[in-house]
Amino acid sequence: QVQVVESGGGLVQPGGSLRLSCVVRGSFFSIYAMGWYRQAPGKQRELVAGITTGGNTNYTDSVKGRFTISRDNAENTTYLQMNSLTPEDTALYYCNARVRVRLWGTRNNYWGQGTQVTVSS
């Protein structure tokens, strides 16, 4: 069974920083791409940042230059460093991991429960 667990959300003032963490736990063969998504009230879930096993990254335009995604393959963990936060960044942030559970199995997407980020003065 695969579990994706996020942590690090909270309340921060505009201009502040937060670091989100996401760990993949359980029994599995390999983790492929990992990513952070967010969903604000009344809006669709959107991809914030993604990272491949080899470290290639991509970001949505609104966070480029402010957010940095990274991963520690040995620890099955990905991080999202968020700087210069604005109220528009307020959302529930989800971690996604593409995981192959068995050597001859398919790659499936697994989601965490989300961690709330609120940017407000």
Protein backbone atom coordinates (compact mmCIF):
# COMPACT_ATOMS: atom_id res chain seq x y z
CA GLN A 1 0.00 0.00 0.00
CA VAL A 2 1.32 3.43 -0.98
CA GLN A 3 0.77 6.53 1.13
CA VAL A 4 1.61 10.09 0.18
CA VAL A 5 1.92 12.42 3.15
CA GLU A 6 2.33 16.20 2.94
CA SER A 7 3.42 18.56 5.70
CA GLY A 8 4.59 22.12 6.19
CA GLY A 9 1.54 24.20 5.41
CA GLY A 10 0.34 27.04 7.59
CA LEU A 11 -0.47 30.71 7.88
CA VAL A 12 2.11 33.18 6.64
CA GLN A 13 2.15 36.90 5.97
CA PRO A 14 2.51 38.26 2.44
CA GLY A 15 6.15 38.20 1.42
CA GLY A 16 6.88 35.30 3.71
CA SER A 17 8.13 31.79 3.00
CA LEU A 18 7.05 28.24 3.63
CA ARG A 19 8.57 24.87 2.82
CA LEU A 20 6.29 21.97 2.04
CA SER A 21 7.43 18.36 2.32
CA CYS A 22 5.96 15.22 0.84
CA VAL A 23 7.05 11.67 1.60
CA VAL A 24 5.94 8.50 -0.14
CA ARG A 25 5.61 5.57 2.23
CA GLY A 26 4.81 1.92 1.85
CA SER A 27 5.91 -0.93 -0.36
CA PHE A 28 6.63 -0.14 -3.99
CA PHE A 29 9.15 -0.70 -6.75
CA SER A 30 9.93 2.84 -7.90
CA ILE A 31 8.79 6.46 -7.86
CA TYR A 32 8.84 8.41 -11.09
CA ALA A 33 7.67 11.99 -11.49
CA MET A 34 6.52 13.90 -8.44
CA GLY A 35 4.64 17.14 -8.32
CA TRP A 36 2.80 19.74 -6.31
CA TYR A 37 -0.72 20.85 -7.19
CA ARG A 38 -2.97 23.39 -5.54
CA GLN A 39 -6.65 24.12 -5.42
CA ALA A 40 -8.11 27.38 -4.23
CA PRO A 41 -11.81 27.69 -3.29
CA GLY A 42 -13.95 27.83 -6.39
CA LYS A 43 -11.06 27.03 -8.70
CA GLN A 44 -9.78 23.95 -10.45
CA ARG A 45 -6.77 22.06 -9.21
CA GLU A 46 -3.64 23.24 -11.02
CA LEU A 47 -0.11 21.97 -11.35
CA VAL A 48 2.29 24.21 -9.44
CA ALA A 49 5.58 22.41 -10.00
CA GLY A 50 6.83 19.03 -11.15
CA ILE A 51 10.11 17.16 -11.00
CA THR A 52 11.35 14.05 -12.73
CA THR A 53 13.53 11.34 -11.26
CA GLY A 54 16.51 12.96 -12.92
CA GLY A 55 15.75 16.37 -11.47
CA ASN A 56 14.19 18.13 -14.44
CA THR A 57 11.65 20.66 -13.22
CA ASN A 58 8.72 22.64 -14.55
CA TYR A 59 6.63 25.40 -12.97
CA THR A 60 3.43 27.20 -13.65
CA ASP A 61 4.14 30.76 -14.77
CA SER A 62 2.74 32.43 -11.66
CA VAL A 63 5.32 30.82 -9.36
CA LYS A 64 8.43 30.94 -11.52
CA GLY A 65 11.26 32.66 -9.68
CA ARG A 66 9.50 32.29 -6.32
CA PHE A 67 8.99 28.56 -5.82
CA THR A 68 11.57 25.79 -6.04
CA ILE A 69 10.80 22.10 -6.21
CA SER A 70 13.40 19.52 -5.23
CA ARG A 71 13.51 15.86 -4.32
CA ASP A 72 15.55 13.38 -2.34
CA ASN A 73 15.25 10.06 -4.13
CA ALA A 74 16.88 8.16 -1.28
CA GLU A 75 14.23 9.45 1.12
CA ASN A 76 11.31 9.20 -1.34
CA THR A 77 10.63 12.85 -0.61
CA THR A 78 9.91 16.00 -2.54
CA TYR A 79 9.98 19.56 -1.26
CA LEU A 80 8.44 22.83 -2.37
CA GLN A 81 10.22 25.95 -1.16
CA MET A 82 7.84 28.87 -1.51
CA ASN A 83 9.17 32.43 -1.22
CA SER A 84 7.62 35.86 -1.69
CA LEU A 85 4.19 34.44 -1.01
CA THR A 86 1.11 36.43 -1.94
CA PRO A 87 -2.56 36.02 -1.00
CA GLU A 88 -3.09 34.52 -4.48
CA ASP A 89 -0.99 31.55 -3.37
CA THR A 90 -3.57 30.64 -0.75
CA ALA A 91 -4.82 27.15 -1.50
CA LEU A 92 -4.83 23.53 -0.47
CA TYR A 93 -1.57 22.08 -1.76
CA TYR A 94 -1.47 18.45 -2.84
CA CYS A 95 1.48 16.21 -3.55
CA ASN A 96 1.31 13.73 -6.41
CA ALA A 97 3.65 10.83 -7.03
CA ARG A 98 3.73 8.50 -10.00
CA VAL A 99 4.59 5.11 -8.59
CA ARG A 100 5.19 1.64 -9.92
CA VAL A 101 4.19 -0.72 -7.13
CA ARG A 102 5.48 -3.94 -8.68
CA LEU A 103 8.31 -4.51 -11.10
CA TRP A 104 5.95 -5.66 -13.87
CA GLY A 105 3.07 -3.42 -12.85
CA THR A 106 1.81 -0.15 -14.25
CA ARG A 107 2.66 3.34 -13.08
CA ASN A 108 -0.18 4.90 -11.12
CA ASN A 109 -0.78 8.31 -9.62
CA TYR A 110 -1.04 8.63 -5.86
CA TRP A 111 -2.25 11.72 -4.04
CA GLY A 112 -1.81 13.05 -0.55
CA GLN A 113 -4.59 14.55 1.55
CA GLY A 114 -3.33 18.08 1.08
CA THR A 115 -1.82 20.74 3.30
CA GLN A 116 -3.37 24.18 3.65
CA VAL A 117 -1.35 27.28 2.80
CA THR A 118 -2.89 30.59 3.79
CA VAL A 119 -1.20 33.89 2.97
CA SER A 120 -2.76 36.75 4.87
CA SER A 121 -1.84 39.74 6.97
